[in-house]
Amino acid sequence: MPLPFLGKDLSPVLFYDMGNVFASPADLFPSLFRWSQPNLTECRTLPSPATCNPIFNYASHAVGGGIRYRTPIGPVRFDVGYNLNPPTFPLGIQTPPSASPPTFQVLHRVNFYFSIGQTF
């Protein structure tokens, strides 16, 4: 779809993305339709590392938009995505546990992407 005054080389896009990388093929189908991370509250309070499931065995969802600019060497892309269900994972878990409590990290909801060339 050409934009007014910009021609056919610049085009807007909207996207919805869903996916993840699973530890084993057996995790794919049970996790594909799971919306959120199991034991999420345990990962944030983290009384014990055993109660937190840092494995991202659910499908992460993102929506966003971007701009594509067509050049002779391939497209230049700039996208902004909003993660609907970012994962939480523990940092600094030590065995045996230390006196300082471990912390957790939540991935950002808003992410920026820039790329040059074809995706595949």
N, C-alpha and C. Protein backbone atom coordinates (compact mmCIF):
# COMPACT_ATOMS: atom_id res chain seq x y z
N MET A 1 0.84 -1.16 0.00
CA MET A 1 0.00 0.00 0.00
C MET A 1 0.89 1.24 0.00
N PRO A 2 0.90 2.03 -1.06
CA PRO A 2 1.73 3.23 -1.10
C PRO A 2 1.17 4.33 -0.20
N LEU A 3 2.07 5.02 0.46
CA LEU A 3 1.67 6.15 1.29
C LEU A 3 1.67 7.42 0.45
N PRO A 4 0.79 8.37 0.75
CA PRO A 4 0.79 9.62 -0.01
C PRO A 4 2.13 10.35 0.12
N PHE A 5 2.63 10.87 -0.98
CA PHE A 5 3.86 11.65 -1.07
C PHE A 5 5.14 10.86 -0.80
N LEU A 6 5.05 9.58 -0.49
CA LEU A 6 6.24 8.79 -0.18
C LEU A 6 6.50 7.70 -1.21
N GLY A 7 5.54 7.39 -2.04
CA GLY A 7 5.74 6.40 -3.09
C GLY A 7 5.64 4.98 -2.58
N LYS A 8 6.13 4.06 -3.40
CA LYS A 8 6.02 2.63 -3.10
C LYS A 8 7.21 2.08 -2.31
N ASP A 9 8.24 2.89 -2.05
CA ASP A 9 9.43 2.39 -1.34
C ASP A 9 9.26 2.37 0.17
N LEU A 10 8.32 3.09 0.71
CA LEU A 10 8.09 3.13 2.16
C LEU A 10 6.70 2.59 2.44
N SER A 11 6.61 1.62 3.35
CA SER A 11 5.30 1.04 3.65
C SER A 11 5.18 0.75 5.14
N PRO A 12 3.97 0.94 5.69
CA PRO A 12 3.73 0.62 7.10
C PRO A 12 3.31 -0.84 7.24
N VAL A 13 3.54 -1.40 8.42
CA VAL A 13 3.10 -2.77 8.72
C VAL A 13 2.55 -2.83 10.14
N LEU A 14 1.61 -3.72 10.34
CA LEU A 14 1.11 -4.09 11.66
C LEU A 14 1.38 -5.58 11.82
N PHE A 15 1.69 -6.02 13.05
CA PHE A 15 1.95 -7.45 13.22
C PHE A 15 1.46 -7.96 14.56
N TYR A 16 1.22 -9.24 14.57
CA TYR A 16 0.95 -10.02 15.78
C TYR A 16 1.91 -11.18 15.74
N ASP A 17 2.63 -11.40 16.82
CA ASP A 17 3.64 -12.46 16.86
C ASP A 17 3.39 -13.34 18.06
N MET A 18 3.52 -14.63 17.86
CA MET A 18 3.35 -15.59 18.94
C MET A 18 4.39 -16.68 18.76
N GLY A 19 5.05 -17.06 19.84
CA GLY A 19 6.00 -18.15 19.73
C GLY A 19 6.89 -18.26 20.93
N ASN A 20 7.82 -19.20 20.84
CA ASN A 20 8.79 -19.45 21.89
C ASN A 20 9.75 -20.52 21.41
N VAL A 21 10.78 -20.75 22.19
CA VAL A 21 11.70 -21.85 21.95
C VAL A 21 11.52 -22.79 23.13
N PHE A 22 11.19 -24.02 22.86
CA PHE A 22 10.90 -24.98 23.91
C PHE A 22 12.09 -25.90 24.15
N ALA A 23 12.19 -26.40 25.39
CA ALA A 23 13.33 -27.25 25.77
C ALA A 23 13.30 -28.59 25.05
N SER A 24 12.13 -29.10 24.77
CA SER A 24 12.03 -30.38 24.07
C SER A 24 10.77 -30.37 23.21
N PRO A 25 10.72 -31.23 22.18
CA PRO A 25 9.51 -31.30 21.35
C PRO A 25 8.26 -31.68 22.15
N ALA A 26 8.42 -32.42 23.23
CA ALA A 26 7.27 -32.81 24.04
C ALA A 26 6.62 -31.61 24.74
N ASP A 27 7.38 -30.52 24.93
CA ASP A 27 6.83 -29.32 25.58
C ASP A 27 6.01 -28.45 24.64
N LEU A 28 6.13 -28.66 23.35
CA LEU A 28 5.50 -27.78 22.37
C LEU A 28 3.98 -27.74 22.49
N PHE A 29 3.32 -28.87 22.35
CA PHE A 29 1.86 -28.88 22.29
C PHE A 29 1.19 -28.53 23.62
N PRO A 30 1.66 -29.02 24.78
CA PRO A 30 1.01 -28.58 26.03
C PRO A 30 1.21 -27.09 26.31
N SER A 31 2.30 -26.51 25.82
CA SER A 31 2.63 -25.12 26.13
C SER A 31 2.12 -24.13 25.10
N LEU A 32 1.76 -24.60 23.93
CA LEU A 32 1.40 -23.71 22.83
C LEU A 32 0.20 -22.82 23.14
N PHE A 33 -0.76 -23.34 23.88
CA PHE A 33 -1.96 -22.57 24.17
C PHE A 33 -1.98 -22.05 25.61
N ARG A 34 -0.85 -22.11 26.29
CA ARG A 34 -0.74 -21.55 27.63
C ARG A 34 -0.40 -20.07 27.49
N TRP A 35 -1.16 -19.21 28.16
CA TRP A 35 -1.01 -17.76 27.99
C TRP A 35 0.06 -17.16 28.90
N SER A 36 0.24 -17.70 30.09
CA SER A 36 1.17 -17.07 31.02
C SER A 36 2.15 -18.07 31.59
N GLN A 37 3.18 -17.55 32.21
CA GLN A 37 4.25 -18.37 32.78
C GLN A 37 3.74 -19.07 34.04
N PRO A 38 3.95 -20.40 34.14
CA PRO A 38 3.53 -21.10 35.36
C PRO A 38 4.31 -20.59 36.57
N ASN A 39 3.66 -20.54 37.71
CA ASN A 39 4.28 -20.14 38.99
C ASN A 39 4.91 -18.76 38.91
N LEU A 40 4.25 -17.82 38.26
CA LEU A 40 4.81 -16.48 38.09
C LEU A 40 5.00 -15.76 39.42
N THR A 41 4.04 -15.87 40.34
CA THR A 41 4.19 -15.20 41.63
C THR A 41 5.35 -15.76 42.43
N GLU A 42 5.62 -17.06 42.31
CA GLU A 42 6.76 -17.65 43.01
C GLU A 42 8.08 -17.14 42.45
N CYS A 43 8.11 -16.82 41.15
CA CYS A 43 9.34 -16.28 40.57
C CYS A 43 9.60 -14.86 41.05
N ARG A 44 8.54 -14.13 41.39
CA ARG A 44 8.72 -12.75 41.85
C ARG A 44 9.02 -12.66 43.33
N THR A 45 8.45 -13.57 44.14
CA THR A 45 8.75 -13.55 45.57
C THR A 45 9.96 -14.40 45.87
N LEU A 46 10.07 -15.50 45.21
CA LEU A 46 11.21 -16.40 45.24
C LEU A 46 11.65 -16.80 46.65
N PRO A 47 10.76 -17.44 47.43
CA PRO A 47 11.22 -17.93 48.72
C PRO A 47 12.18 -19.10 48.56
N SER A 48 12.00 -19.83 47.49
CA SER A 48 12.86 -20.99 47.24
C SER A 48 13.02 -21.14 45.73
N PRO A 49 14.25 -21.37 45.25
CA PRO A 49 14.43 -21.54 43.81
C PRO A 49 13.64 -22.70 43.23
N ALA A 50 13.30 -23.68 44.04
CA ALA A 50 12.59 -24.85 43.53
C ALA A 50 11.14 -24.53 43.16
N THR A 51 10.55 -23.48 43.76
CA THR A 51 9.15 -23.18 43.47
C THR A 51 8.98 -22.37 42.19
N CYS A 52 10.05 -21.74 41.71
CA CYS A 52 9.97 -20.93 40.50
C CYS A 52 10.26 -21.80 39.29
N ASN A 53 9.45 -21.65 38.26
CA ASN A 53 9.68 -22.37 37.02
C ASN A 53 10.20 -21.38 35.98
N PRO A 54 11.53 -21.20 35.89
CA PRO A 54 12.05 -20.22 34.95
C PRO A 54 12.02 -20.67 33.50
N ILE A 55 11.61 -21.90 33.25
CA ILE A 55 11.52 -22.38 31.88
C ILE A 55 10.33 -21.70 31.23
N PHE A 56 10.53 -21.12 30.09
CA PHE A 56 9.49 -20.35 29.43
C PHE A 56 8.60 -21.27 28.61
N ASN A 57 7.87 -22.15 29.29
CA ASN A 57 7.04 -23.13 28.59
C ASN A 57 5.62 -22.61 28.38
N TYR A 58 5.54 -21.50 27.71
CA TYR A 58 4.27 -20.93 27.30
C TYR A 58 4.53 -20.10 26.05
N ALA A 59 3.49 -19.73 25.37
CA ALA A 59 3.64 -18.95 24.14
C ALA A 59 3.64 -17.46 24.50
N SER A 60 4.68 -16.77 24.08
CA SER A 60 4.77 -15.34 24.28
C SER A 60 4.07 -14.63 23.13
N HIS A 61 3.32 -13.57 23.44
CA HIS A 61 2.53 -12.86 22.45
C HIS A 61 2.98 -11.40 22.38
N ALA A 62 3.05 -10.86 21.18
CA ALA A 62 3.41 -9.46 20.99
C ALA A 62 2.62 -8.87 19.82
N VAL A 63 2.33 -7.60 19.93
CA VAL A 63 1.68 -6.85 18.86
C VAL A 63 2.53 -5.62 18.59
N GLY A 64 2.44 -5.09 17.39
CA GLY A 64 3.22 -3.91 17.10
C GLY A 64 3.04 -3.41 15.69
N GLY A 65 3.89 -2.48 15.36
CA GLY A 65 3.87 -1.89 14.03
C GLY A 65 5.26 -1.49 13.61
N GLY A 66 5.40 -1.18 12.35
CA GLY A 66 6.71 -0.80 11.86
C GLY A 66 6.66 -0.15 10.50
N ILE A 67 7.84 0.14 10.01
CA ILE A 67 8.00 0.77 8.70
C ILE A 67 9.02 -0.03 7.92
N ARG A 68 8.76 -0.25 6.65
CA ARG A 68 9.68 -0.92 5.73
C ARG A 68 10.08 0.08 4.64
N TYR A 69 11.38 0.15 4.39
CA TYR A 69 11.87 1.01 3.31
C TYR A 69 12.63 0.13 2.34
N ARG A 70 12.20 0.11 1.12
CA ARG A 70 12.80 -0.76 0.10
C ARG A 70 14.03 -0.06 -0.50
N THR A 71 15.17 -0.75 -0.46
CA THR A 71 16.42 -0.24 -1.04
C THR A 71 16.93 -1.25 -2.07
N PRO A 72 17.90 -0.89 -2.88
CA PRO A 72 18.45 -1.85 -3.85
C PRO A 72 19.11 -3.07 -3.22
N ILE A 73 19.60 -2.96 -1.98
CA ILE A 73 20.26 -4.12 -1.34
C ILE A 73 19.32 -4.91 -0.44
N GLY A 74 18.07 -4.50 -0.33
CA GLY A 74 17.10 -5.21 0.49
C GLY A 74 16.35 -4.23 1.37
N PRO A 75 15.31 -4.72 2.05
CA PRO A 75 14.50 -3.82 2.87
C PRO A 75 15.22 -3.40 4.15
N VAL A 76 14.95 -2.20 4.58
CA VAL A 76 15.38 -1.69 5.88
C VAL A 76 14.11 -1.62 6.72
N ARG A 77 14.17 -2.22 7.92
CA ARG A 77 12.97 -2.32 8.76
C ARG A 77 13.20 -1.71 10.12
N PHE A 78 12.19 -1.05 10.60
CA PHE A 78 12.17 -0.56 11.97
C PHE A 78 10.81 -0.92 12.55
N ASP A 79 10.81 -1.70 13.63
CA ASP A 79 9.57 -2.16 14.26
C ASP A 79 9.57 -1.81 15.74
N VAL A 80 8.38 -1.60 16.27
CA VAL A 80 8.16 -1.43 17.70
C VAL A 80 7.12 -2.46 18.10
N GLY A 81 7.48 -3.32 19.07
CA GLY A 81 6.58 -4.35 19.52
C GLY A 81 6.24 -4.20 21.00
N TYR A 82 5.05 -4.62 21.37
CA TYR A 82 4.61 -4.59 22.76
C TYR A 82 4.34 -6.03 23.20
N ASN A 83 5.13 -6.51 24.16
CA ASN A 83 5.01 -7.87 24.67
C ASN A 83 3.84 -7.94 25.64
N LEU A 84 2.85 -8.77 25.34
CA LEU A 84 1.65 -8.87 26.17
C LEU A 84 1.87 -9.67 27.45
N ASN A 85 2.81 -10.59 27.43
CA ASN A 85 3.06 -11.43 28.61
C ASN A 85 4.56 -11.71 28.75
N PRO A 86 5.35 -10.72 29.18
CA PRO A 86 6.80 -10.91 29.27
C PRO A 86 7.17 -11.90 30.37
N PRO A 87 8.23 -12.70 30.16
CA PRO A 87 8.63 -13.67 31.17
C PRO A 87 9.37 -13.03 32.34
N THR A 88 9.26 -13.69 33.48
CA THR A 88 10.00 -13.33 34.69
C THR A 88 10.95 -14.48 34.99
N PHE A 89 12.18 -14.16 35.32
CA PHE A 89 13.12 -15.23 35.66
C PHE A 89 14.05 -14.77 36.76
N PRO A 90 14.49 -15.73 37.59
CA PRO A 90 15.35 -15.40 38.73
C PRO A 90 16.78 -15.13 38.28
N LEU A 91 17.45 -14.25 39.02
CA LEU A 91 18.86 -13.95 38.81
C LEU A 91 19.62 -14.23 40.10
N GLY A 92 20.82 -14.69 39.98
CA GLY A 92 21.69 -14.83 41.15
C GLY A 92 21.31 -15.93 42.10
N ILE A 93 20.67 -16.98 41.65
CA ILE A 93 20.38 -18.11 42.54
C ILE A 93 21.67 -18.86 42.78
N GLN A 94 22.00 -19.07 44.05
CA GLN A 94 23.24 -19.75 44.39
C GLN A 94 22.92 -21.01 45.18
N THR A 95 23.73 -22.02 45.01
CA THR A 95 23.59 -23.25 45.77
C THR A 95 24.88 -23.47 46.56
N PRO A 96 24.88 -23.47 47.87
CA PRO A 96 23.75 -23.25 48.76
C PRO A 96 23.32 -21.79 48.75
N PRO A 97 22.08 -21.52 49.21
CA PRO A 97 21.59 -20.14 49.18
C PRO A 97 22.44 -19.21 50.03
N SER A 98 22.68 -18.01 49.54
CA SER A 98 23.46 -17.03 50.29
C SER A 98 22.54 -16.22 51.18
N ALA A 99 23.15 -15.35 51.99
CA ALA A 99 22.37 -14.52 52.91
C ALA A 99 21.56 -13.47 52.15
N SER A 100 22.06 -13.00 51.01
CA SER A 100 21.32 -12.00 50.25
C SER A 100 20.25 -12.69 49.40
N PRO A 101 19.05 -12.15 49.39
CA PRO A 101 17.99 -12.79 48.61
C PRO A 101 18.24 -12.64 47.12
N PRO A 102 17.89 -13.64 46.34
CA PRO A 102 18.03 -13.52 44.89
C PRO A 102 17.03 -12.51 44.35
N THR A 103 17.34 -11.98 43.20
CA THR A 103 16.45 -11.01 42.57
C THR A 103 15.81 -11.65 41.34
N PHE A 104 14.88 -10.95 40.74
CA PHE A 104 14.25 -11.44 39.54
C PHE A 104 14.28 -10.35 38.49
N GLN A 105 14.11 -10.74 37.25
CA GLN A 105 14.08 -9.79 36.14
C GLN A 105 12.86 -10.09 35.28
N VAL A 106 12.19 -9.03 34.85
CA VAL A 106 11.07 -9.14 33.92
C VAL A 106 11.53 -8.50 32.62
N LEU A 107 11.38 -9.19 31.52
CA LEU A 107 11.76 -8.62 30.24
C LEU A 107 10.88 -7.42 29.92
N HIS A 108 11.40 -6.52 29.13
CA HIS A 108 10.68 -5.28 28.79
C HIS A 108 9.42 -5.57 27.99
N ARG A 109 8.42 -4.76 28.19
CA ARG A 109 7.20 -4.88 27.40
C ARG A 109 7.35 -4.25 26.02
N VAL A 110 8.02 -3.11 25.94
CA VAL A 110 8.20 -2.42 24.66
C VAL A 110 9.60 -2.73 24.14
N ASN A 111 9.68 -3.20 22.90
CA ASN A 111 10.94 -3.56 22.29
C ASN A 111 11.05 -2.93 20.91
N PHE A 112 12.26 -2.53 20.56
CA PHE A 112 12.54 -1.91 19.27
C PHE A 112 13.40 -2.86 18.45
N TYR A 113 13.12 -2.97 17.18
CA TYR A 113 13.86 -3.86 16.29
C TYR A 113 14.26 -3.09 15.03
N PHE A 114 15.48 -3.30 14.61
CA PHE A 114 15.99 -2.71 13.37
C PHE A 114 16.71 -3.78 12.61
N SER A 115 16.45 -3.90 11.33
CA SER A 115 17.15 -4.90 10.53
C SER A 115 17.30 -4.42 9.08
N ILE A 116 18.31 -4.99 8.43
CA ILE A 116 18.58 -4.70 7.04
C ILE A 116 18.61 -6.02 6.30
N GLY A 117 17.91 -6.13 5.19
CA GLY A 117 17.89 -7.34 4.40
C GLY A 117 16.69 -8.21 4.69
N GLN A 118 16.61 -9.32 3.98
CA GLN A 118 15.51 -10.25 4.12
C GLN A 118 15.61 -11.00 5.45
N THR A 119 14.47 -11.45 5.98
CA THR A 119 14.46 -12.15 7.25
C THR A 119 14.94 -13.59 7.14
N PHE A 120 14.70 -14.23 6.03
CA PHE A 120 15.06 -15.64 5.90
C PHE A 120 15.97 -15.81 4.71
